[in-house]
């Protein structure tokens, strides 16, 4: 099963990133944008502070605030698989002063635990910003050093290996785990958390055996050698962890295009012109050197879709999520 649209975006994003890097050398970022919000902009997160998406928006705010002349207020509203955040965004005025950061788990949640509560039609899908492969990791003292070790131990202890990641059964990271289970013929015990810091606490405390996350929030733990990487669920190795092989390199064929996607969404019926202005401002802020340094160090790939393209992408990837959930036995 393949997510060809994501592969196309990844290739296009790499080319765009090279162009932007060259432009940054030649000229500074623009001093202003067409989007001039009338007050502080609340950006709601579905995670606790310290998660990958949370780090993303707090980093981007440093270059975004000078462009729009207003403060970005990051509001953490975790809980119920994204329902708390989504409810607050859905009931906000469509004036651009309340926005949300979404991940792939938003699309899987609307098909599972939030089915009948929210759908893609309940929101305005403003812009894409990032793609980010997930990684599997273990404590430094673990006897599990590779994906092969994990598979062998899981076969010897079926269903007794605890693996912790973001979101409930059916979330993006859970589906990535399910793909490995199917490819390797194993069974793992999924433990869902509300943020990467919670995952790390559980892993280091011995409450789960394996962690799943993105590189950004786990980088300090790699640097301090408290955790070791097992594998990357992606097409290529990460620039920030060049010695960590992909699942495929270790002999396990999974859908390497099933990567985390982060974007920007708002209440339903936001004017298209306003959505485009917001998308342009976010994308302009992403060109700043401070943001680009962070993005490259954490292995994310920039994504540049505006409202029309992102809305079409959301609908297409939601269809792909249906297939992935069916393959995992979570949808009929």
Protein backbone atom coordinates (compact mmCIF):
# COMPACT_ATOMS: atom_id res chain seq x y z
CA UNK A 1 0.00 0.00 0.00
CA UNK A 2 1.50 3.35 -1.01
CA UNK A 3 0.87 7.00 -0.25
CA UNK A 4 2.11 8.34 -3.60
CA UNK A 5 0.99 11.89 -2.93
CA UNK A 6 3.31 12.11 0.07
CA UNK A 7 6.20 10.81 -2.02
CA UNK A 8 5.55 13.53 -4.61
CA UNK A 9 5.35 16.19 -1.92
CA UNK A 10 8.60 14.95 -0.39
CA UNK A 11 10.44 15.23 -3.72
CA UNK A 12 8.97 18.66 -4.43
CA UNK A 13 9.72 19.86 -0.91
CA UNK A 14 13.39 18.91 -1.24
CA UNK A 15 13.69 20.92 -4.45
CA UNK A 16 11.89 23.90 -2.94
CA UNK A 17 14.07 23.74 0.17
CA UNK A 18 17.23 23.98 -1.95
CA UNK A 19 15.81 27.01 -3.74
CA UNK A 20 14.87 28.67 -0.47
CA UNK A 21 18.28 28.03 1.06
CA UNK A 22 19.91 29.76 -1.88
CA UNK A 23 17.50 32.68 -1.58
CA UNK A 24 18.25 33.05 2.13
CA UNK A 25 21.91 33.61 1.32
CA UNK A 26 21.03 36.32 -1.20
CA UNK A 27 18.44 38.28 0.76
CA UNK A 28 16.83 38.55 4.21
CA UNK A 29 13.25 37.46 4.88
CA UNK A 30 10.48 39.89 3.98
CA UNK A 31 9.68 42.47 6.64
CA UNK A 32 5.91 42.04 6.46
CA UNK A 33 3.11 39.94 5.01
CA UNK A 34 -0.43 40.58 3.79
CA UNK A 35 -1.86 38.91 6.90
CA UNK A 36 -2.26 41.52 9.61
CA UNK A 37 -4.31 39.96 12.43
CA UNK A 38 -6.16 42.40 14.69
CA UNK A 39 -4.87 40.80 17.89
CA UNK A 40 -2.83 37.93 19.32
CA UNK A 41 -3.22 34.67 17.44
CA UNK A 42 -4.07 31.62 19.53
CA UNK A 43 -2.60 28.41 18.10
CA UNK A 44 -4.12 25.37 19.77
CA UNK A 45 -2.16 22.17 20.22
CA UNK A 46 -3.57 18.68 20.73
CA UNK A 47 -0.52 17.72 22.81
CA UNK A 48 1.11 18.71 26.05
CA UNK A 49 4.13 21.06 25.95
CA UNK A 50 7.34 19.48 24.69
CA UNK A 51 5.94 17.31 21.92
CA UNK A 52 7.14 17.50 18.32
CA UNK A 53 4.27 19.64 17.06
CA UNK A 54 4.55 21.89 20.11
CA UNK A 55 8.27 22.46 19.48
CA UNK A 56 7.48 23.19 15.84
CA UNK A 57 5.05 26.04 16.47
CA UNK A 58 7.08 27.57 19.30
CA UNK A 59 10.14 27.61 17.05
CA UNK A 60 8.23 29.05 14.09
CA UNK A 61 6.64 31.74 16.27
CA UNK A 62 10.07 33.38 16.64
CA UNK A 63 10.14 34.29 12.96
CA UNK A 64 6.36 34.56 12.43
CA UNK A 65 5.60 37.19 15.08
CA UNK A 66 7.76 39.94 13.49
CA UNK A 67 6.15 39.29 10.11
CA UNK A 68 2.55 39.69 11.29
CA UNK A 69 3.10 42.22 14.10
CA UNK A 70 1.26 40.13 16.69
CA UNK A 71 2.03 37.59 19.38
CA UNK A 72 1.53 33.88 18.79
CA UNK A 73 -0.05 32.36 21.92
CA UNK A 74 0.48 28.60 22.02
CA UNK A 75 -2.39 26.94 23.87
CA UNK A 76 -1.94 23.30 24.84
CA UNK A 77 -5.27 21.47 24.88
CA UNK A 78 -4.52 17.74 25.01
CA UNK A 79 -7.05 15.03 25.61
CA UNK A 80 -9.56 12.68 23.99
CA UNK A 81 -7.36 11.92 20.98
CA UNK A 82 -7.44 15.51 19.76
CA UNK A 83 -11.13 16.14 20.50
CA UNK A 84 -10.46 18.90 23.07
CA UNK A 85 -8.36 20.93 20.66
CA UNK A 86 -10.61 20.29 17.67
CA UNK A 87 -13.73 21.35 19.57
CA UNK A 88 -12.16 24.67 20.52
CA UNK A 89 -11.05 25.32 16.95
CA UNK A 90 -14.41 24.29 15.50
CA UNK A 91 -16.32 26.71 17.75
CA UNK A 92 -14.01 29.69 17.21
CA UNK A 93 -14.79 32.63 14.94
CA UNK A 94 -13.42 32.14 11.41
CA UNK A 95 -11.33 35.32 11.68
CA UNK A 96 -7.86 33.78 11.76
CA UNK A 97 -7.28 34.53 15.44
CA UNK A 98 -7.79 30.90 16.46
CA UNK A 99 -5.92 28.20 14.58
CA UNK A 100 -4.80 24.64 15.26
CA UNK A 101 -1.83 22.48 14.34
CA UNK A 102 -2.86 19.11 12.95
CA UNK A 103 -0.99 15.87 12.43
CA UNK A 104 -1.85 12.65 10.63
CA UNK A 105 -3.56 11.43 13.79
CA UNK A 106 -6.31 14.00 13.28
CA UNK A 107 -7.33 12.19 10.10
CA UNK A 108 -7.20 8.72 11.64
CA UNK A 109 -9.08 9.92 14.75
CA UNK A 110 -11.93 11.29 12.65
CA UNK A 111 -12.31 7.79 11.22
CA UNK A 112 -12.12 5.95 14.55
CA UNK A 113 -12.64 7.34 18.07
CA UNK A 114 -13.95 10.69 16.80
CA UNK A 115 -16.08 9.31 13.98
CA UNK A 116 -19.46 11.03 14.09
CA UNK A 117 -18.04 13.85 16.21
CA UNK A 118 -15.81 15.58 13.65
CA UNK A 119 -15.11 15.22 9.95
CA UNK A 120 -12.82 17.01 7.51
CA UNK A 121 -15.79 19.15 6.44
CA UNK A 122 -15.95 20.74 9.91
CA UNK A 123 -12.72 22.69 9.39
CA UNK A 124 -10.76 24.90 7.02
CA UNK A 125 -7.49 23.24 6.00
CA UNK A 126 -5.16 26.19 5.62
CA UNK A 127 -1.62 24.99 4.89
CA UNK A 128 0.87 22.16 5.15
CA UNK A 129 4.17 22.80 6.92
CA UNK A 130 6.15 19.62 7.67
CA UNK A 131 6.68 15.93 7.00
CA UNK A 132 8.45 13.96 9.70
CA UNK A 133 9.27 10.20 9.74
CA UNK A 134 8.71 8.32 12.99
CA UNK A 135 11.46 6.37 14.73
CA UNK A 136 11.47 3.42 17.14
CA UNK A 137 13.86 3.55 20.11
CA UNK A 138 14.71 1.83 23.40
CA UNK A 139 16.56 2.57 26.63
CA UNK A 140 20.33 2.52 26.30
CA UNK A 141 20.57 -0.52 28.58
CA UNK A 142 17.92 -2.50 26.69
CA UNK A 143 18.77 -5.86 25.13
CA UNK A 144 16.78 -4.69 22.10
CA UNK A 145 19.25 -2.91 19.81
CA UNK A 146 17.65 -3.25 16.37
CA UNK A 147 14.29 -3.86 14.74
CA UNK A 148 15.44 -7.45 14.28
CA UNK A 149 15.98 -7.75 18.03
CA UNK A 150 12.50 -6.34 18.64
CA UNK A 151 10.92 -8.81 16.24
CA UNK A 152 12.77 -11.76 17.77
CA UNK A 153 11.80 -10.81 21.30
CA UNK A 154 8.19 -10.16 20.27
CA UNK A 155 7.97 -13.62 18.70
CA UNK A 156 9.26 -15.14 21.92
CA UNK A 157 6.90 -13.06 24.07
CA UNK A 158 3.85 -12.46 21.88
CA UNK A 159 1.78 -9.49 23.07
CA UNK A 160 3.98 -8.87 26.10
CA UNK A 161 6.31 -6.25 24.60
CA UNK A 162 4.92 -2.81 25.49
CA UNK A 163 5.42 -0.09 22.89
CA UNK A 164 4.50 3.50 23.74
CA UNK A 165 3.58 6.22 21.27
CA UNK A 166 1.27 9.17 20.76
CA UNK A 167 -2.46 8.61 20.56
CA UNK A 168 -4.90 5.74 20.96
CA UNK A 169 -5.23 2.62 18.83
CA UNK A 170 -5.72 3.89 15.27
CA UNK A 171 -3.40 6.89 15.62
CA UNK A 172 -0.69 7.59 13.07
CA UNK A 173 2.07 6.10 15.19
CA UNK A 174 -0.04 3.10 16.13
CA UNK A 175 -0.67 2.38 12.45
CA UNK A 176 3.07 2.57 11.79
CA UNK A 177 3.51 -0.02 14.54
CA UNK A 178 0.73 -2.12 13.05
CA UNK A 179 2.54 -2.12 9.71
CA UNK A 180 5.63 -3.59 11.36
CA UNK A 181 3.50 -6.18 13.15
CA UNK A 182 2.02 -7.27 9.84
CA UNK A 183 5.35 -7.27 7.97
CA UNK A 184 7.15 -9.25 10.70
CA UNK A 185 4.30 -11.49 11.84
CA UNK A 186 4.41 -10.30 15.45
CA UNK A 187 2.10 -8.83 18.07
CA UNK A 188 3.02 -5.84 20.27
CA UNK A 189 1.07 -4.24 23.11
CA UNK A 190 0.28 -0.61 22.21
CA UNK A 191 0.28 1.97 25.03
CA UNK A 192 -0.99 5.41 24.00
CA UNK A 193 0.18 8.71 25.52
CA UNK A 194 -0.76 12.39 25.16
CA UNK A 195 2.76 13.69 24.48
CA UNK A 196 6.33 12.64 23.73
CA UNK A 197 7.55 13.69 27.21
CA UNK A 198 5.04 11.20 28.66
CA UNK A 199 6.39 8.52 26.33
CA UNK A 200 9.95 9.24 27.44
CA UNK A 201 9.01 9.16 31.13
CA UNK A 202 7.34 5.78 30.69
CA UNK A 203 10.24 4.38 28.67
CA UNK A 204 12.98 5.53 31.03
CA UNK A 205 10.92 4.39 34.00
CA UNK A 206 10.62 0.89 32.60
CA UNK A 207 6.86 1.04 32.04
CA UNK A 208 7.18 0.45 28.29
CA UNK A 209 9.91 -1.43 26.43
CA UNK A 210 9.94 0.57 23.19
CA UNK A 211 9.11 4.17 22.31
CA UNK A 212 7.78 5.67 19.09
CA UNK A 213 8.13 9.34 18.24
CA UNK A 214 9.84 11.78 15.89
CA UNK A 215 13.42 12.94 16.22
CA UNK A 216 12.77 16.51 17.43
CA UNK A 217 11.74 15.95 21.07
CA UNK A 218 13.87 12.82 21.45
CA UNK A 219 17.13 14.37 20.23
CA UNK A 220 18.34 15.41 23.73
CA UNK A 221 17.88 11.83 24.93
CA UNK A 222 19.94 10.53 22.02
CA UNK A 223 22.61 13.14 22.68
CA UNK A 224 22.82 12.19 26.36
CA UNK A 225 22.94 8.50 25.33
CA UNK A 226 19.92 7.61 27.45
CA UNK A 227 18.18 5.98 24.48
CA UNK A 228 19.24 4.12 21.36
CA UNK A 229 17.51 4.13 17.97
CA UNK A 230 16.12 0.91 16.50
CA UNK A 231 14.97 2.11 13.09
CA UNK A 232 13.40 4.82 10.95
CA UNK A 233 10.02 4.29 9.30
CA UNK A 234 10.94 6.28 6.22
CA UNK A 235 12.52 6.04 2.81
CA UNK A 236 15.92 7.36 3.89
CA UNK A 237 17.97 7.82 7.04
CA UNK A 238 17.59 11.02 9.03
CA UNK A 239 20.20 13.74 8.72
CA UNK A 240 20.15 14.11 12.50
CA UNK A 241 20.70 10.34 13.07
CA UNK A 242 22.75 9.24 10.05
CA UNK A 243 23.78 5.93 11.64
CA UNK A 244 20.21 4.78 12.30
CA UNK A 245 19.04 2.46 9.48
CA UNK A 246 15.55 2.39 8.05
CA UNK A 247 13.15 -0.51 8.55
CA UNK A 248 13.72 -1.53 4.94
CA UNK A 249 17.49 -1.58 5.37
CA UNK A 250 16.92 -4.05 8.20
CA UNK A 251 14.82 -6.33 6.02
CA UNK A 252 11.29 -5.24 6.97
CA UNK A 253 9.11 -3.97 4.13
CA UNK A 254 6.59 -1.42 5.39
CA UNK A 255 4.95 1.57 3.73
CA UNK A 256 7.82 4.04 4.00
CA UNK A 257 5.63 6.90 2.81
CA UNK A 258 3.52 6.69 5.99
CA UNK A 259 5.18 9.73 7.56
CA UNK A 260 3.91 12.31 10.02
CA UNK A 261 2.37 15.36 8.37
CA UNK A 262 1.89 18.64 10.21
CA UNK A 263 -0.36 21.39 8.98
CA UNK A 264 -2.48 24.33 9.95
CA UNK A 265 -6.26 24.30 10.22
CA UNK A 266 -9.01 26.63 11.39
CA UNK A 267 -12.76 26.90 11.88
CA UNK A 268 -15.08 26.08 9.03
CA UNK A 269 -15.96 28.85 6.55
CA UNK A 270 -12.78 30.89 6.87
CA UNK A 271 -12.61 33.15 3.78
CA UNK A 272 -10.29 31.66 1.19
CA UNK A 273 -8.39 34.94 0.83
CA UNK A 274 -7.70 34.99 4.58
CA UNK A 275 -6.60 31.35 4.50
CA UNK A 276 -4.15 32.13 1.70
CA UNK A 277 -2.74 35.12 3.58
CA UNK A 278 -2.20 32.97 6.68
CA UNK A 279 -0.60 30.18 4.64
CA UNK A 280 1.73 32.69 2.96
CA UNK A 281 2.75 34.17 6.32
CA UNK A 282 3.52 30.76 7.85
CA UNK A 283 5.49 29.70 4.79
CA UNK A 284 7.42 32.97 4.75
CA UNK A 285 8.33 32.49 8.41
CA UNK A 286 9.58 28.99 7.60
CA UNK A 287 12.28 30.50 5.37
CA UNK A 288 14.05 32.11 8.35
CA UNK A 289 17.48 30.68 9.12
CA UNK A 290 16.55 29.95 12.73
CA UNK A 291 13.64 27.81 11.60
CA UNK A 292 15.57 26.13 8.80
CA UNK A 293 18.39 25.20 11.20
CA UNK A 294 15.86 23.60 13.56
CA UNK A 295 14.08 21.77 10.73
CA UNK A 296 17.26 20.28 9.25
CA UNK A 297 18.64 19.25 12.64
CA UNK A 298 15.44 17.39 13.50
CA UNK A 299 15.13 15.67 10.13
CA UNK A 300 11.82 17.21 9.04
CA UNK A 301 11.01 18.08 5.43
CA UNK A 302 9.32 21.37 4.61
CA UNK A 303 5.91 21.24 2.94
CA UNK A 304 4.40 24.24 1.16
CA UNK A 305 0.77 23.55 0.26
CA UNK A 306 -1.72 26.43 0.46
CA UNK A 307 -5.44 26.10 1.26
CA UNK A 308 -6.66 24.67 -2.04
CA UNK A 309 -3.86 22.13 -2.29
CA UNK A 310 -3.96 21.23 1.38
CA UNK A 311 -7.72 20.70 1.41
CA UNK A 312 -7.36 18.32 -1.55
CA UNK A 313 -4.47 16.55 0.19
CA UNK A 314 -6.45 16.13 3.43
CA UNK A 315 -9.30 14.47 1.56
CA UNK A 316 -6.93 12.17 -0.34
CA UNK A 317 -4.87 11.18 2.70
CA UNK A 318 -8.07 10.52 4.65
CA UNK A 319 -8.96 7.96 1.99
CA UNK A 320 -5.53 6.37 2.40
CA UNK A 321 -6.01 6.33 6.18
CA UNK A 322 -9.20 4.32 5.66
CA UNK A 323 -7.19 1.67 3.80
CA UNK A 324 -4.49 1.62 6.47
CA UNK A 325 -7.08 1.26 9.25
CA UNK A 326 -8.81 -1.54 7.36
CA UNK A 327 -5.47 -3.32 6.87
CA UNK A 328 -4.90 -3.05 10.63
CA UNK A 329 -8.33 -4.56 11.28
CA UNK A 330 -9.65 -1.36 12.86
CA UNK A 331 -12.29 -0.58 10.25
CA UNK A 332 -14.70 -2.89 8.46
